[in-house]
N, C-alpha and C. Protein backbone atom coordinates (compact mmCIF):
# COMPACT_ATOMS: atom_id res chain seq x y z
N MET A 1 -14.36 62.46 30.76
CA MET A 1 -13.41 62.61 29.69
C MET A 1 -13.29 61.29 28.95
N PRO A 2 -13.45 61.30 27.66
CA PRO A 2 -13.36 60.05 26.90
C PRO A 2 -11.92 59.53 26.90
N ASP A 3 -11.84 58.20 26.81
CA ASP A 3 -10.50 57.60 26.75
C ASP A 3 -9.83 57.98 25.44
N GLN A 4 -8.72 58.61 25.57
CA GLN A 4 -7.95 58.96 24.39
C GLN A 4 -6.57 58.33 24.52
N GLN A 5 -6.20 57.63 23.50
CA GLN A 5 -4.87 57.04 23.50
C GLN A 5 -3.89 58.09 22.97
N PRO A 6 -2.70 58.10 23.55
CA PRO A 6 -1.72 59.07 23.05
C PRO A 6 -1.37 58.76 21.60
N LYS A 7 -1.20 59.81 20.86
CA LYS A 7 -0.86 59.64 19.45
C LYS A 7 0.59 59.19 19.32
N LYS A 8 0.79 58.25 18.43
CA LYS A 8 2.15 57.78 18.16
C LYS A 8 2.82 58.77 17.22
N PRO A 9 4.07 59.09 17.48
CA PRO A 9 4.76 59.99 16.56
C PRO A 9 4.93 59.31 15.20
N GLN A 10 4.79 60.10 14.18
CA GLN A 10 4.96 59.56 12.84
C GLN A 10 6.43 59.27 12.60
N GLN A 11 6.65 58.09 12.04
CA GLN A 11 8.03 57.72 11.73
C GLN A 11 8.31 58.05 10.27
N SER A 12 9.48 58.62 10.06
CA SER A 12 9.85 58.89 8.68
C SER A 12 10.30 57.58 8.04
N PRO A 13 10.02 57.41 6.78
CA PRO A 13 10.42 56.15 6.14
C PRO A 13 11.94 56.03 6.11
N GLN A 14 12.42 54.85 6.50
CA GLN A 14 13.86 54.63 6.49
C GLN A 14 14.28 54.16 5.10
N PRO A 15 15.47 54.58 4.68
CA PRO A 15 15.93 54.14 3.36
C PRO A 15 16.13 52.63 3.34
N GLN A 16 15.94 52.06 2.20
CA GLN A 16 16.13 50.63 2.03
C GLN A 16 17.61 50.29 2.23
N LEU A 17 17.86 49.05 2.60
CA LEU A 17 19.23 48.60 2.85
C LEU A 17 20.10 48.78 1.61
N GLU A 18 19.55 48.51 0.44
CA GLU A 18 20.32 48.65 -0.79
C GLU A 18 20.80 50.09 -0.97
N ASP A 19 19.91 51.04 -0.67
CA ASP A 19 20.28 52.45 -0.79
C ASP A 19 21.39 52.81 0.19
N GLN A 20 21.31 52.26 1.39
CA GLN A 20 22.34 52.54 2.38
C GLN A 20 23.68 51.96 1.94
N LEU A 21 23.66 50.75 1.40
CA LEU A 21 24.90 50.11 0.97
C LEU A 21 25.55 50.85 -0.19
N GLU A 22 24.73 51.37 -1.10
CA GLU A 22 25.27 52.10 -2.25
C GLU A 22 25.99 53.37 -1.83
N SER A 23 25.60 53.94 -0.71
CA SER A 23 26.21 55.20 -0.29
C SER A 23 27.51 54.98 0.49
N LEU A 24 27.82 53.73 0.84
CA LEU A 24 29.07 53.46 1.57
C LEU A 24 30.26 53.51 0.62
N PRO A 25 31.39 54.02 1.11
CA PRO A 25 32.57 54.03 0.25
C PRO A 25 33.11 52.62 0.08
N GLY A 26 33.73 52.36 -1.04
CA GLY A 26 34.32 51.05 -1.31
C GLY A 26 35.68 50.92 -0.66
N PRO A 27 36.31 49.77 -0.85
CA PRO A 27 37.63 49.58 -0.27
C PRO A 27 38.66 50.48 -0.94
N VAL A 28 39.64 50.86 -0.18
CA VAL A 28 40.71 51.70 -0.70
C VAL A 28 41.71 50.81 -1.42
N PRO A 29 42.02 51.10 -2.69
CA PRO A 29 42.98 50.26 -3.40
C PRO A 29 44.37 50.34 -2.77
N ILE A 30 45.05 49.22 -2.76
CA ILE A 30 46.39 49.15 -2.19
C ILE A 30 47.41 49.32 -3.32
N GLU A 31 48.36 50.19 -3.09
CA GLU A 31 49.43 50.40 -4.07
C GLU A 31 50.50 49.34 -3.84
N ILE A 32 50.73 48.48 -4.82
CA ILE A 32 51.74 47.43 -4.72
C ILE A 32 52.99 47.90 -5.46
N THR A 33 54.07 48.04 -4.71
CA THR A 33 55.33 48.46 -5.32
C THR A 33 55.94 47.28 -6.07
N PRO A 34 56.79 47.55 -7.04
CA PRO A 34 57.48 46.45 -7.73
C PRO A 34 58.28 45.57 -6.76
N GLN A 35 58.84 46.17 -5.72
CA GLN A 35 59.59 45.40 -4.74
C GLN A 35 58.67 44.42 -4.01
N LYS A 36 57.49 44.88 -3.60
CA LYS A 36 56.54 44.00 -2.92
C LYS A 36 56.06 42.89 -3.86
N ARG A 37 55.85 43.23 -5.12
CA ARG A 37 55.41 42.23 -6.10
C ARG A 37 56.48 41.15 -6.28
N ASP A 38 57.74 41.57 -6.34
CA ASP A 38 58.85 40.60 -6.46
C ASP A 38 58.93 39.72 -5.23
N GLN A 39 58.79 40.32 -4.05
CA GLN A 39 58.82 39.54 -2.81
C GLN A 39 57.70 38.50 -2.80
N ALA A 40 56.52 38.94 -3.21
CA ALA A 40 55.38 38.03 -3.23
C ALA A 40 55.64 36.87 -4.18
N GLN A 41 56.19 37.16 -5.35
CA GLN A 41 56.46 36.11 -6.33
C GLN A 41 57.46 35.09 -5.78
N LYS A 42 58.45 35.56 -5.03
CA LYS A 42 59.42 34.64 -4.42
C LYS A 42 58.73 33.72 -3.40
N PHE A 43 57.81 34.27 -2.63
CA PHE A 43 57.07 33.44 -1.68
C PHE A 43 56.20 32.42 -2.42
N PHE A 44 55.56 32.83 -3.51
CA PHE A 44 54.72 31.90 -4.27
C PHE A 44 55.57 30.78 -4.87
N ASP A 45 56.73 31.14 -5.43
CA ASP A 45 57.62 30.13 -6.01
C ASP A 45 58.09 29.15 -4.93
N ARG A 46 58.46 29.70 -3.79
CA ARG A 46 58.93 28.86 -2.68
C ARG A 46 57.79 27.95 -2.20
N ALA A 47 56.58 28.47 -2.12
CA ALA A 47 55.43 27.67 -1.71
C ALA A 47 55.21 26.50 -2.66
N ARG A 48 55.35 26.75 -3.96
CA ARG A 48 55.16 25.70 -4.95
C ARG A 48 56.21 24.59 -4.77
N ASP A 49 57.47 24.99 -4.56
CA ASP A 49 58.55 24.01 -4.36
C ASP A 49 58.32 23.19 -3.09
N ILE A 50 57.95 23.86 -2.02
CA ILE A 50 57.73 23.18 -0.74
C ILE A 50 56.56 22.21 -0.84
N ALA A 51 55.50 22.62 -1.51
CA ALA A 51 54.34 21.73 -1.68
C ALA A 51 54.73 20.50 -2.49
N ALA A 52 55.55 20.68 -3.52
CA ALA A 52 55.98 19.55 -4.34
C ALA A 52 56.84 18.57 -3.53
N ARG A 53 57.50 19.06 -2.50
CA ARG A 53 58.33 18.20 -1.65
C ARG A 53 57.53 17.53 -0.53
N GLY A 54 56.24 17.83 -0.47
CA GLY A 54 55.39 17.12 0.48
C GLY A 54 55.18 17.79 1.83
N ASN A 55 55.34 19.11 1.88
CA ASN A 55 55.12 19.82 3.14
C ASN A 55 54.03 20.88 2.93
N PRO A 56 52.77 20.45 2.82
CA PRO A 56 51.71 21.40 2.48
C PRO A 56 51.46 22.48 3.54
N ASP A 57 51.66 22.16 4.81
CA ASP A 57 51.41 23.16 5.85
C ASP A 57 52.36 24.35 5.71
N TYR A 58 53.63 24.06 5.50
CA TYR A 58 54.61 25.14 5.33
C TYR A 58 54.38 25.87 4.01
N ALA A 59 53.95 25.13 2.99
CA ALA A 59 53.66 25.75 1.70
C ALA A 59 52.52 26.77 1.83
N VAL A 60 51.51 26.43 2.61
CA VAL A 60 50.39 27.36 2.82
C VAL A 60 50.89 28.61 3.53
N GLN A 61 51.77 28.45 4.51
CA GLN A 61 52.33 29.62 5.20
C GLN A 61 53.07 30.53 4.22
N MET A 62 53.85 29.94 3.33
CA MET A 62 54.59 30.73 2.34
C MET A 62 53.63 31.42 1.37
N TYR A 63 52.59 30.71 0.97
CA TYR A 63 51.61 31.29 0.07
C TYR A 63 50.91 32.48 0.73
N LEU A 64 50.56 32.35 2.00
CA LEU A 64 49.91 33.45 2.72
C LEU A 64 50.84 34.65 2.86
N GLU A 65 52.12 34.39 3.06
CA GLU A 65 53.10 35.49 3.12
C GLU A 65 53.12 36.24 1.79
N GLY A 66 53.05 35.51 0.71
CA GLY A 66 53.00 36.15 -0.61
C GLY A 66 51.75 37.00 -0.78
N LEU A 67 50.62 36.48 -0.31
CA LEU A 67 49.37 37.23 -0.43
C LEU A 67 49.37 38.49 0.42
N LEU A 68 50.08 38.47 1.54
CA LEU A 68 50.18 39.68 2.35
C LEU A 68 50.89 40.79 1.58
N ARG A 69 51.83 40.42 0.74
CA ARG A 69 52.60 41.41 -0.01
C ARG A 69 51.91 41.84 -1.30
N ASP A 70 51.15 40.92 -1.90
CA ASP A 70 50.44 41.25 -3.14
C ASP A 70 49.13 40.46 -3.19
N PRO A 71 48.07 40.99 -2.60
CA PRO A 71 46.80 40.25 -2.52
C PRO A 71 46.10 40.05 -3.86
N ASP A 72 46.50 40.78 -4.89
CA ASP A 72 45.85 40.65 -6.19
C ASP A 72 46.42 39.53 -7.04
N THR A 73 47.51 38.93 -6.60
CA THR A 73 48.16 37.89 -7.39
C THR A 73 47.47 36.57 -7.21
């Protein structure tokens, strides 16, 4: 019997990464209420005042709190 190598199964072509990424859903938009927007603005204002007084670490914390409430600002 002649040596026969087993046949490899044919692989179907896989879609390109770009095609796969295009089919993924995008991020879900966040609805920002006027109350949340006002809260965020107060945190941003407070962060600005605190930074001007020379406490940048606390100012960053206040700024991040504002971004949690309104990330688009």
